[in-house]
């Protein structure tokens, strides 16, 4: 019911003025004022009387023009929050809401879309190392027409960034490189939270659940290390990493521009040496509990775990192939030929290739297929190690050892010396004959 209708009903004495005030949601005193204005000015008297009057909080025109000029000429690629922080460096102290409305009203910033349905935020894990987020974001990070992926690994408990690097494309190799660096630097963690990208999970049909019985190369590596993998089924489910990427996209390109960086190598060096620490100092939080869930790993076979592994059957000419690449396996000391045997091809992150048959490394090649001579990429003894072809298999010379033999004597025999029943009986008869003759 409109306010005008309520007043008309009250004036017609269909309802009392107290009931009219209750219906309109105002006090009886305010209702009397509304009634008086309506009787004096008619329908227009029902509008707010402050309309058309100048606000006492109005910002001077020179200040407003300076704010718009700064954004248009200097900070044109900053988001509103970042730009609001920069205004303090110019001695301009305005509220965030005013700056937002001014930029949107001037058409310099697009208005945000309306938020979706309400969702409950998942509480953080209490300890660092309990859950890590990994994700990639494609963006024009270098402020030109080139698109790159920024791979970020952050902790759920503190939002601390452990790894952030620009790559040409998010893939199995680039993800493995980030995970290995975090494990070598921080240690093993408990669980990894990611989207359902093909390098993390296999999904038979779009929208369905992932197939945890068919791990990818990343899934196989995490399983070997005892790390649980958790799949997110919507962007909202991994909101913590999504919000973090919103901050990255609103700050990193601008910081790279201000630093004069235009190359991927320069950007990655900038991230490692300076910006990750600045980002963590500003946006990381304190964990709910003291301590850590990271565990230092003593494994020396990470170079074998973080590889792209493929099984192949050796051809009759002792070669194995993947696609258009072919590798020749030389003769081994422990077996004359490996034809018909199943070997594992390890494609390392440095683009070298190793071929293993069980614990034996039977071939090592560079990215061009040229055989490498020398020690394997990571060589160790014991569990998890590998054995190079011919390793510890050289014949030991007997010249330096004393032969463990019993000296041969003339009466020694190579036959059994245990007495038989027949020999014992014959010996008894021979001893009995002299005794009989002596008695006669």
Protein backbone atom coordinates (compact mmCIF):
# COMPACT_ATOMS: atom_id res chain seq x y z
CA UNK A 1 0.00 0.00 0.00
CA UNK A 2 1.36 3.42 -0.99
CA UNK A 3 1.83 6.16 1.57
CA UNK A 4 -0.68 8.34 -0.24
CA UNK A 5 -3.35 5.63 0.01
CA UNK A 6 -2.70 5.24 3.73
CA UNK A 7 -3.13 8.98 4.30
CA UNK A 8 -6.29 9.12 2.20
CA UNK A 9 -7.82 6.25 4.19
CA UNK A 10 -6.93 8.02 7.44
CA UNK A 11 -8.44 11.27 6.18
CA UNK A 12 -11.58 9.34 5.17
CA UNK A 13 -11.69 8.01 8.73
CA UNK A 14 -11.52 4.40 7.55
CA UNK A 15 -8.47 3.95 9.76
CA UNK A 16 -7.10 6.02 12.60
CA UNK A 17 -3.91 8.08 12.32
CA UNK A 18 -2.20 5.75 14.79
CA UNK A 19 -3.06 2.78 12.55
CA UNK A 20 -1.82 4.75 9.54
CA UNK A 21 1.48 5.42 11.30
CA UNK A 22 1.80 1.73 12.15
CA UNK A 23 1.10 0.69 8.55
CA UNK A 24 3.64 3.22 7.18
CA UNK A 25 6.22 2.19 9.77
CA UNK A 26 6.70 5.65 11.26
CA UNK A 27 5.88 7.34 14.56
CA UNK A 28 2.63 9.19 15.15
CA UNK A 29 4.56 12.47 15.27
CA UNK A 30 6.06 11.82 11.82
CA UNK A 31 2.63 10.86 10.51
CA UNK A 32 1.18 14.21 11.63
CA UNK A 33 3.97 16.01 9.76
CA UNK A 34 3.27 13.96 6.65
CA UNK A 35 -0.44 14.78 6.96
CA UNK A 36 0.27 18.50 7.23
CA UNK A 37 2.60 18.46 4.21
CA UNK A 38 0.05 16.52 2.20
CA UNK A 39 -2.69 19.03 3.04
CA UNK A 40 -0.41 21.96 2.13
CA UNK A 41 1.56 20.72 -0.88
CA UNK A 42 -0.45 17.76 -2.09
CA UNK A 43 1.27 14.60 -3.45
CA UNK A 44 4.69 16.31 -3.80
CA UNK A 45 4.75 16.93 -0.07
CA UNK A 46 5.23 13.21 0.52
CA UNK A 47 8.75 13.22 -0.98
CA UNK A 48 11.89 13.67 1.11
CA UNK A 49 12.36 17.38 1.69
CA UNK A 50 16.14 17.06 1.34
CA UNK A 51 15.88 16.37 -2.36
CA UNK A 52 17.57 19.03 -4.45
CA UNK A 53 19.54 20.48 -1.55
CA UNK A 54 23.34 20.50 -1.53
CA UNK A 55 24.93 18.05 0.89
CA UNK A 56 27.15 19.41 3.63
CA UNK A 57 29.54 16.49 2.96
CA UNK A 58 30.03 17.42 -0.68
CA UNK A 59 33.63 16.90 -1.96
CA UNK A 60 35.23 19.98 -3.57
CA UNK A 61 35.20 19.88 -7.36
CA UNK A 62 39.00 20.28 -7.54
CA UNK A 63 39.52 17.18 -5.39
CA UNK A 64 37.10 15.11 -7.45
CA UNK A 65 38.79 16.19 -10.70
CA UNK A 66 42.22 15.30 -9.26
CA UNK A 67 41.01 11.82 -8.26
CA UNK A 68 39.64 11.16 -11.74
CA UNK A 69 42.79 12.53 -13.38
CA UNK A 70 45.06 10.30 -11.28
CA UNK A 71 43.11 7.22 -12.17
CA UNK A 72 42.84 8.14 -15.85
CA UNK A 73 46.49 9.08 -16.41
CA UNK A 74 48.55 7.18 -13.81
CA UNK A 75 46.64 4.35 -12.13
CA UNK A 76 44.36 3.36 -15.00
CA UNK A 77 44.98 -0.41 -14.55
CA UNK A 78 44.56 -0.61 -10.75
CA UNK A 79 41.45 -1.96 -9.13
CA UNK A 80 39.40 0.32 -6.88
CA UNK A 81 40.83 -0.98 -3.60
CA UNK A 82 44.40 -0.69 -4.86
CA UNK A 83 43.75 2.80 -6.23
CA UNK A 84 42.13 3.89 -2.93
CA UNK A 85 45.35 2.88 -1.12
CA UNK A 86 47.46 4.85 -3.60
CA UNK A 87 45.42 8.03 -3.03
CA UNK A 88 46.86 8.22 0.47
CA UNK A 89 50.30 8.78 -1.09
CA UNK A 90 48.92 11.93 -2.74
CA UNK A 91 47.42 13.31 0.46
CA UNK A 92 43.83 12.58 -0.56
CA UNK A 93 41.76 11.00 2.19
CA UNK A 94 38.43 9.86 0.85
CA UNK A 95 36.21 6.92 1.74
CA UNK A 96 36.36 3.79 -0.37
CA UNK A 97 32.63 4.08 -1.18
CA UNK A 98 33.02 7.62 -2.53
CA UNK A 99 35.96 6.63 -4.73
CA UNK A 100 34.07 3.59 -5.99
CA UNK A 101 30.94 5.57 -6.89
CA UNK A 102 32.99 8.36 -8.48
CA UNK A 103 34.94 6.00 -10.75
CA UNK A 104 31.83 4.05 -11.68
CA UNK A 105 29.83 7.21 -12.27
CA UNK A 106 32.56 8.60 -14.55
CA UNK A 107 32.56 5.35 -16.55
CA UNK A 108 36.20 4.59 -15.69
CA UNK A 109 35.31 1.37 -13.84
CA UNK A 110 32.54 -1.07 -14.69
CA UNK A 111 29.97 -1.84 -12.05
CA UNK A 112 30.24 -5.26 -10.44
CA UNK A 113 27.66 -7.90 -11.16
CA UNK A 114 25.24 -8.79 -8.47
CA UNK A 115 26.48 -11.48 -6.14
CA UNK A 116 25.11 -14.99 -6.35
CA UNK A 117 23.28 -16.96 -3.66
CA UNK A 118 24.53 -16.97 -0.09
CA UNK A 119 27.16 -19.61 0.68
CA UNK A 120 28.68 -20.57 3.98
CA UNK A 121 32.44 -20.12 4.18
CA UNK A 122 34.41 -23.24 5.01
CA UNK A 123 36.52 -22.75 8.15
CA UNK A 124 40.28 -22.75 7.74
CA UNK A 125 42.36 -25.74 8.72
CA UNK A 126 43.95 -25.14 12.14
CA UNK A 127 47.57 -25.93 11.19
CA UNK A 128 49.80 -25.03 8.25
CA UNK A 129 50.51 -28.00 6.02
CA UNK A 130 47.15 -29.70 6.57
CA UNK A 131 45.68 -28.49 3.27
CA UNK A 132 47.30 -26.72 0.31
CA UNK A 133 45.47 -25.10 -2.60
CA UNK A 134 46.90 -25.25 -6.10
CA UNK A 135 45.42 -23.48 -9.11
CA UNK A 136 46.36 -21.59 -12.24
CA UNK A 137 45.00 -18.34 -13.63
CA UNK A 138 45.29 -17.29 -17.30
CA UNK A 139 45.70 -13.55 -17.65
CA UNK A 140 47.66 -10.87 -19.52
CA UNK A 141 50.10 -10.56 -16.64
CA UNK A 142 52.77 -8.67 -18.64
CA UNK A 143 50.41 -5.90 -19.79
CA UNK A 144 50.51 -6.84 -23.48
CA UNK A 145 48.68 -9.21 -25.81
CA UNK A 146 50.47 -12.30 -24.42
CA UNK A 147 48.56 -14.68 -22.17
CA UNK A 148 50.30 -16.69 -19.46
CA UNK A 149 49.25 -18.93 -16.58
CA UNK A 150 50.16 -18.00 -13.02
CA UNK A 151 50.45 -21.16 -10.89
CA UNK A 152 49.98 -20.46 -7.20
CA UNK A 153 50.23 -22.82 -4.21
CA UNK A 154 48.89 -21.40 -0.95
CA UNK A 155 48.18 -22.72 2.54
CA UNK A 156 44.59 -23.01 3.67
CA UNK A 157 45.38 -22.21 7.31
CA UNK A 158 47.29 -18.96 6.73
CA UNK A 159 46.79 -18.01 3.04
CA UNK A 160 50.59 -17.87 2.83
CA UNK A 161 51.91 -18.21 -0.71
CA UNK A 162 54.51 -20.98 -1.02
CA UNK A 163 54.91 -20.89 -4.79
CA UNK A 164 53.95 -18.48 -7.57
CA UNK A 165 55.41 -18.61 -11.07
CA UNK A 166 54.39 -17.62 -14.59
CA UNK A 167 54.36 -20.40 -17.20
CA UNK A 168 53.25 -20.67 -20.80
CA UNK A 169 50.48 -23.08 -19.85
CA UNK A 170 49.34 -24.99 -16.78
CA UNK A 171 50.24 -28.64 -17.39
CA UNK A 172 51.41 -31.81 -15.68
CA UNK A 173 55.07 -30.76 -15.83
CA UNK A 174 54.54 -27.20 -14.56
CA UNK A 175 52.30 -28.41 -11.72
CA UNK A 176 54.85 -31.09 -10.75
CA UNK A 177 57.63 -28.50 -10.71
CA UNK A 178 55.69 -26.35 -8.25
CA UNK A 179 54.75 -29.24 -5.97
CA UNK A 180 58.30 -30.56 -5.89
CA UNK A 181 59.69 -27.14 -4.97
CA UNK A 182 57.22 -26.80 -2.09
CA UNK A 183 58.02 -30.30 -0.78
CA UNK A 184 61.77 -29.66 -0.95
CA UNK A 185 61.39 -26.28 0.74
CA UNK A 186 58.63 -26.91 3.32
CA UNK A 187 58.23 -30.68 3.49
CA UNK A 188 55.42 -33.14 2.90
CA UNK A 189 51.87 -31.94 3.54
CA UNK A 190 48.62 -33.79 4.24
CA UNK A 191 46.20 -32.93 1.43
CA UNK A 192 46.07 -31.05 -1.87
CA UNK A 193 42.93 -29.17 -3.00
CA UNK A 194 42.54 -28.49 -6.73
CA UNK A 195 40.05 -28.20 -9.53
CA UNK A 196 39.19 -31.14 -11.78
CA UNK A 197 41.71 -30.30 -14.48
CA UNK A 198 42.86 -33.21 -16.64
CA UNK A 199 46.32 -33.13 -15.07
CA UNK A 200 44.80 -33.59 -11.60
CA UNK A 201 41.88 -35.98 -12.14
CA UNK A 202 40.19 -38.09 -14.80
CA UNK A 203 36.50 -37.28 -15.26
CA UNK A 204 34.70 -39.67 -17.58
CA UNK A 205 31.81 -37.28 -18.25
CA UNK A 206 31.49 -33.56 -17.71
CA UNK A 207 29.81 -32.74 -14.44
CA UNK A 208 30.25 -36.20 -12.96
CA UNK A 209 32.52 -37.22 -10.11
CA UNK A 210 36.20 -37.88 -10.72
CA UNK A 211 37.52 -41.43 -11.10
CA UNK A 212 39.84 -41.92 -8.14
CA UNK A 213 40.74 -45.43 -9.29
CA UNK A 214 42.51 -44.06 -12.37
CA UNK A 215 45.09 -41.56 -11.11
CA UNK A 216 46.82 -39.10 -13.38
CA UNK A 217 50.58 -38.56 -13.32
CA UNK A 218 50.15 -35.93 -10.59
CA UNK A 219 47.78 -38.22 -8.71
CA UNK A 220 50.24 -41.09 -8.91
CA UNK A 221 53.07 -38.89 -7.58
CA UNK A 222 50.94 -37.64 -4.67
CA UNK A 223 49.86 -41.21 -3.84
CA UNK A 224 53.49 -42.35 -3.71
CA UNK A 225 54.19 -39.53 -1.23
CA UNK A 226 51.08 -40.25 0.86
CA UNK A 227 49.34 -36.94 0.03
CA UNK A 228 45.54 -36.99 -0.27
CA UNK A 229 44.04 -35.26 -3.30
CA UNK A 230 40.68 -33.46 -2.95
CA UNK A 231 38.68 -32.35 -5.99
CA UNK A 232 36.60 -29.15 -6.04
CA UNK A 233 33.35 -29.36 -7.99
CA UNK A 234 32.69 -25.61 -8.36
CA UNK A 235 34.63 -22.33 -8.32
CA UNK A 236 32.77 -21.38 -5.15
CA UNK A 237 34.07 -24.52 -3.43
CA UNK A 238 37.63 -23.28 -3.81
CA UNK A 239 36.68 -19.69 -3.04
CA UNK A 240 39.81 -19.04 -0.99
CA UNK A 241 42.09 -19.55 -3.99
CA UNK A 242 39.65 -17.81 -6.34
CA UNK A 243 39.60 -14.70 -4.15
CA UNK A 244 43.37 -14.82 -3.97
CA UNK A 245 43.58 -14.80 -7.77
CA UNK A 246 41.29 -11.77 -7.85
CA UNK A 247 43.88 -9.99 -5.72
CA UNK A 248 46.73 -11.24 -7.91
CA UNK A 249 45.07 -10.02 -11.10
CA UNK A 250 44.36 -6.64 -9.54
CA UNK A 251 47.93 -6.06 -8.33
CA UNK A 252 50.65 -8.12 -10.05
CA UNK A 253 50.32 -6.68 -13.61
CA UNK A 254 50.45 -3.16 -12.21
CA UNK A 255 53.46 -3.93 -10.01
CA UNK A 256 55.25 -5.47 -12.99
CA UNK A 257 54.48 -2.37 -15.07
CA UNK A 258 55.73 -0.02 -12.37
CA UNK A 259 58.91 -2.15 -12.08
CA UNK A 260 59.42 -2.09 -15.87
CA UNK A 261 59.33 -5.90 -16.24
CA UNK A 262 58.17 -7.31 -19.59
CA UNK A 263 59.60 -10.87 -19.68
CA UNK A 264 58.52 -14.12 -18.03
CA UNK A 265 61.98 -14.73 -16.55
CA UNK A 266 62.08 -11.23 -15.12
CA UNK A 267 58.58 -11.61 -13.66
CA UNK A 268 59.45 -14.95 -12.04
CA UNK A 269 62.61 -13.49 -10.53
CA UNK A 270 60.57 -10.52 -9.26
CA UNK A 271 58.10 -12.95 -7.66
CA UNK A 272 60.77 -15.04 -5.95
CA UNK A 273 63.02 -12.26 -4.74
CA UNK A 274 60.51 -9.62 -3.73
CA UNK A 275 56.79 -9.78 -4.38
CA UNK A 276 55.80 -13.09 -2.73
CA UNK A 277 57.23 -11.83 0.56
CA UNK A 278 55.36 -8.52 0.20
CA UNK A 279 52.15 -10.34 -0.68
CA UNK A 280 52.42 -12.66 2.33
CA UNK A 281 53.20 -9.78 4.68
CA UNK A 282 50.00 -8.01 3.61
CA UNK A 283 47.49 -10.83 3.14
CA UNK A 284 48.58 -13.88 5.18
CA UNK A 285 46.93 -14.53 8.54
CA UNK A 286 47.96 -16.31 11.73
CA UNK A 287 47.00 -19.98 12.00
CA UNK A 288 44.39 -20.99 14.55
CA UNK A 289 46.81 -23.30 16.38
CA UNK A 290 50.54 -23.24 16.94
CA UNK A 291 52.71 -25.84 15.24
CA UNK A 292 52.88 -27.28 11.75
CA UNK A 293 51.68 -30.34 9.89
CA UNK A 294 54.59 -30.26 7.45
CA UNK A 295 57.03 -33.15 7.72
CA UNK A 296 60.52 -32.99 6.31
CA UNK A 297 61.04 -35.71 3.75
CA UNK A 298 64.16 -37.83 3.76
CA UNK A 299 63.38 -39.36 0.39
CA UNK A 300 66.05 -38.97 -2.23
CA UNK A 301 63.96 -40.26 -5.12
CA UNK A 302 61.86 -37.15 -5.81
CA UNK A 303 63.52 -36.94 -9.22
CA UNK A 304 61.94 -40.30 -10.03
CA UNK A 305 58.55 -39.59 -8.45
CA UNK A 306 57.99 -36.27 -10.24
CA UNK A 307 58.28 -37.70 -13.74
CA UNK A 308 55.86 -38.55 -16.50
CA UNK A 309 55.91 -42.35 -16.42
CA UNK A 310 54.83 -44.57 -19.30
CA UNK A 311 55.14 -48.34 -19.62
CA UNK A 312 56.26 -49.82 -22.94
CA UNK A 313 57.18 -53.29 -24.22
CA UNK A 314 60.67 -53.49 -25.72
CA UNK A 315 60.64 -54.35 -29.42
CA UNK A 316 62.69 -57.19 -30.92
CA UNK A 317 65.41 -54.75 -31.92
CA UNK A 318 65.66 -53.53 -28.27
CA UNK A 319 63.96 -50.18 -28.92
CA UNK A 320 61.04 -48.42 -27.20
CA UNK A 321 58.97 -45.59 -28.61
CA UNK A 322 56.42 -42.97 -27.55
CA UNK A 323 54.72 -41.23 -30.42
CA UNK A 324 57.43 -40.22 -32.87
CA UNK A 325 60.32 -40.63 -30.39
CA UNK A 326 62.46 -43.74 -30.41
CA UNK A 327 65.15 -44.86 -27.96
CA UNK A 328 67.69 -47.67 -28.42
CA UNK A 329 68.51 -49.81 -25.38
CA UNK A 330 72.07 -51.14 -25.26
CA UNK A 331 73.03 -54.61 -24.14
CA UNK A 332 72.95 -55.07 -20.38
CA UNK A 333 75.25 -57.14 -18.21
CA UNK A 334 72.50 -58.89 -16.29
CA UNK A 335 70.52 -59.93 -19.40
CA UNK A 336 71.50 -60.46 -22.99
CA UNK A 337 68.36 -58.82 -24.45
CA UNK A 338 65.32 -57.01 -23.11
CA UNK A 339 63.13 -57.76 -26.14
CA UNK A 340 59.60 -58.49 -24.98
CA UNK A 341 60.19 -57.05 -21.49
CA UNK A 342 58.08 -54.25 -20.03
CA UNK A 343 60.09 -51.15 -19.11
CA UNK A 344 59.10 -47.79 -17.62
CA UNK A 345 60.00 -44.58 -19.45
CA UNK A 346 60.57 -41.65 -17.08
CA UNK A 347 60.34 -38.19 -18.66
CA UNK A 348 62.02 -35.87 -16.13
CA UNK A 349 61.12 -32.24 -15.53
CA UNK A 350 64.44 -31.15 -17.11
CA UNK A 351 63.29 -32.91 -20.34
CA UNK A 352 65.78 -35.77 -20.01
CA UNK A 353 64.50 -39.34 -20.34
CA UNK A 354 65.41 -42.40 -18.29
CA UNK A 355 64.35 -45.98 -19.01
CA UNK A 356 64.10 -48.41 -16.11
CA UNK A 357 63.66 -52.17 -16.00
CA UNK A 358 62.73 -52.90 -12.41
CA UNK A 359 65.44 -51.26 -10.29
CA UNK A 360 67.87 -51.04 -13.23
CA UNK A 361 68.39 -47.92 -15.33
CA UNK A 362 68.97 -49.31 -18.81
CA UNK A 363 69.14 -46.02 -20.70
CA UNK A 364 69.40 -42.25 -20.27
CA UNK A 365 68.82 -39.71 -23.04
CA UNK A 366 68.57 -35.94 -23.45
CA UNK A 367 65.59 -34.12 -24.93
CA UNK A 368 66.96 -34.70 -28.45
CA UNK A 369 67.28 -38.46 -27.95
CA UNK A 370 71.06 -38.47 -27.60
CA UNK A 371 72.35 -41.03 -25.14
CA UNK A 372 73.81 -39.59 -21.94
CA UNK A 373 76.99 -41.08 -20.52
CA UNK A 374 77.51 -40.92 -16.78
CA UNK A 375 75.70 -41.38 -13.51
CA UNK A 376 71.90 -41.48 -13.40
CA UNK A 377 70.11 -38.24 -12.53
CA UNK A 378 69.68 -39.29 -8.91
CA UNK A 379 71.56 -42.30 -7.60
CA UNK A 380 71.20 -43.76 -4.14
CA UNK A 381 71.28 -47.06 -2.28
CA UNK A 382 68.52 -48.71 -0.33
CA UNK A 383 64.74 -48.36 -0.56
CA UNK A 384 63.53 -46.21 -3.37
CA UNK A 385 66.92 -46.21 -5.10
CA UNK A 386 67.82 -47.60 -8.48
CA UNK A 387 70.63 -49.70 -9.89
CA UNK A 388 72.50 -48.56 -12.96
CA UNK A 389 73.12 -51.16 -15.63
CA UNK A 390 76.07 -53.25 -14.49
CA UNK A 391 76.29 -51.51 -11.15
CA UNK A 392 77.87 -53.74 -8.47
CA UNK A 393 78.05 -56.58 -11.01
CA UNK A 394 81.77 -56.70 -11.89
CA UNK A 395 83.42 -60.06 -11.32
CA UNK A 396 85.54 -60.27 -8.18
CA UNK A 397 89.08 -61.55 -8.87
CA UNK A 398 90.08 -64.62 -6.82
CA UNK A 399 93.78 -63.75 -6.95
CA UNK A 400 93.52 -61.51 -3.93
CA UNK A 401 91.68 -64.05 -1.80
CA UNK A 402 92.95 -67.20 -0.03
CA UNK A 403 91.15 -70.26 -1.47
CA UNK A 404 88.87 -71.83 1.11
CA UNK A 405 89.84 -75.50 0.43
CA UNK A 406 90.83 -78.50 2.69
CA UNK A 407 94.30 -79.90 1.78
CA UNK A 408 93.93 -83.18 -0.15
CA UNK A 409 95.50 -86.32 1.41
CA UNK A 410 96.15 -89.67 -0.27
CA UNK A 411 93.75 -91.62 1.96
CA UNK A 412 90.94 -89.07 1.55
CA UNK A 413 88.04 -90.23 -0.55
CA UNK A 414 85.33 -88.30 -2.28
CA UNK A 415 82.83 -91.01 -1.33
CA UNK A 416 80.92 -91.33 1.87
CA UNK A 417 83.01 -92.58 4.83
CA UNK A 418 80.07 -93.67 6.97
CA UNK A 419 80.29 -97.51 7.69
CA UNK A 420 77.69 -99.70 6.02
CA UNK A 421 76.01 -102.77 7.56
CA UNK A 422 77.90 -105.26 5.29
CA UNK A 423 81.33 -103.82 6.11
CA UNK A 424 80.60 -103.98 9.84
CA UNK A 425 79.56 -107.68 9.60
CA UNK A 426 82.68 -108.66 7.64
CA UNK A 427 84.93 -106.95 10.14
CA UNK A 428 83.21 -108.83 13.04
CA UNK A 429 83.79 -112.26 11.36
CA UNK A 430 87.48 -111.53 10.75
CA UNK A 431 88.03 -110.64 14.39
CA UNK A 432 86.18 -113.79 15.60
CA UNK A 433 88.36 -116.38 13.70
CA UNK A 434 91.63 -115.85 15.68
CA UNK A 435 89.71 -116.15 18.94
CA UNK A 436 88.28 -119.62 17.93
CA UNK A 437 91.76 -120.96 16.95
CA UNK A 438 93.23 -119.84 20.26
CA UNK A 439 90.56 -121.70 22.20
CA UNK A 440 91.30 -124.99 20.29
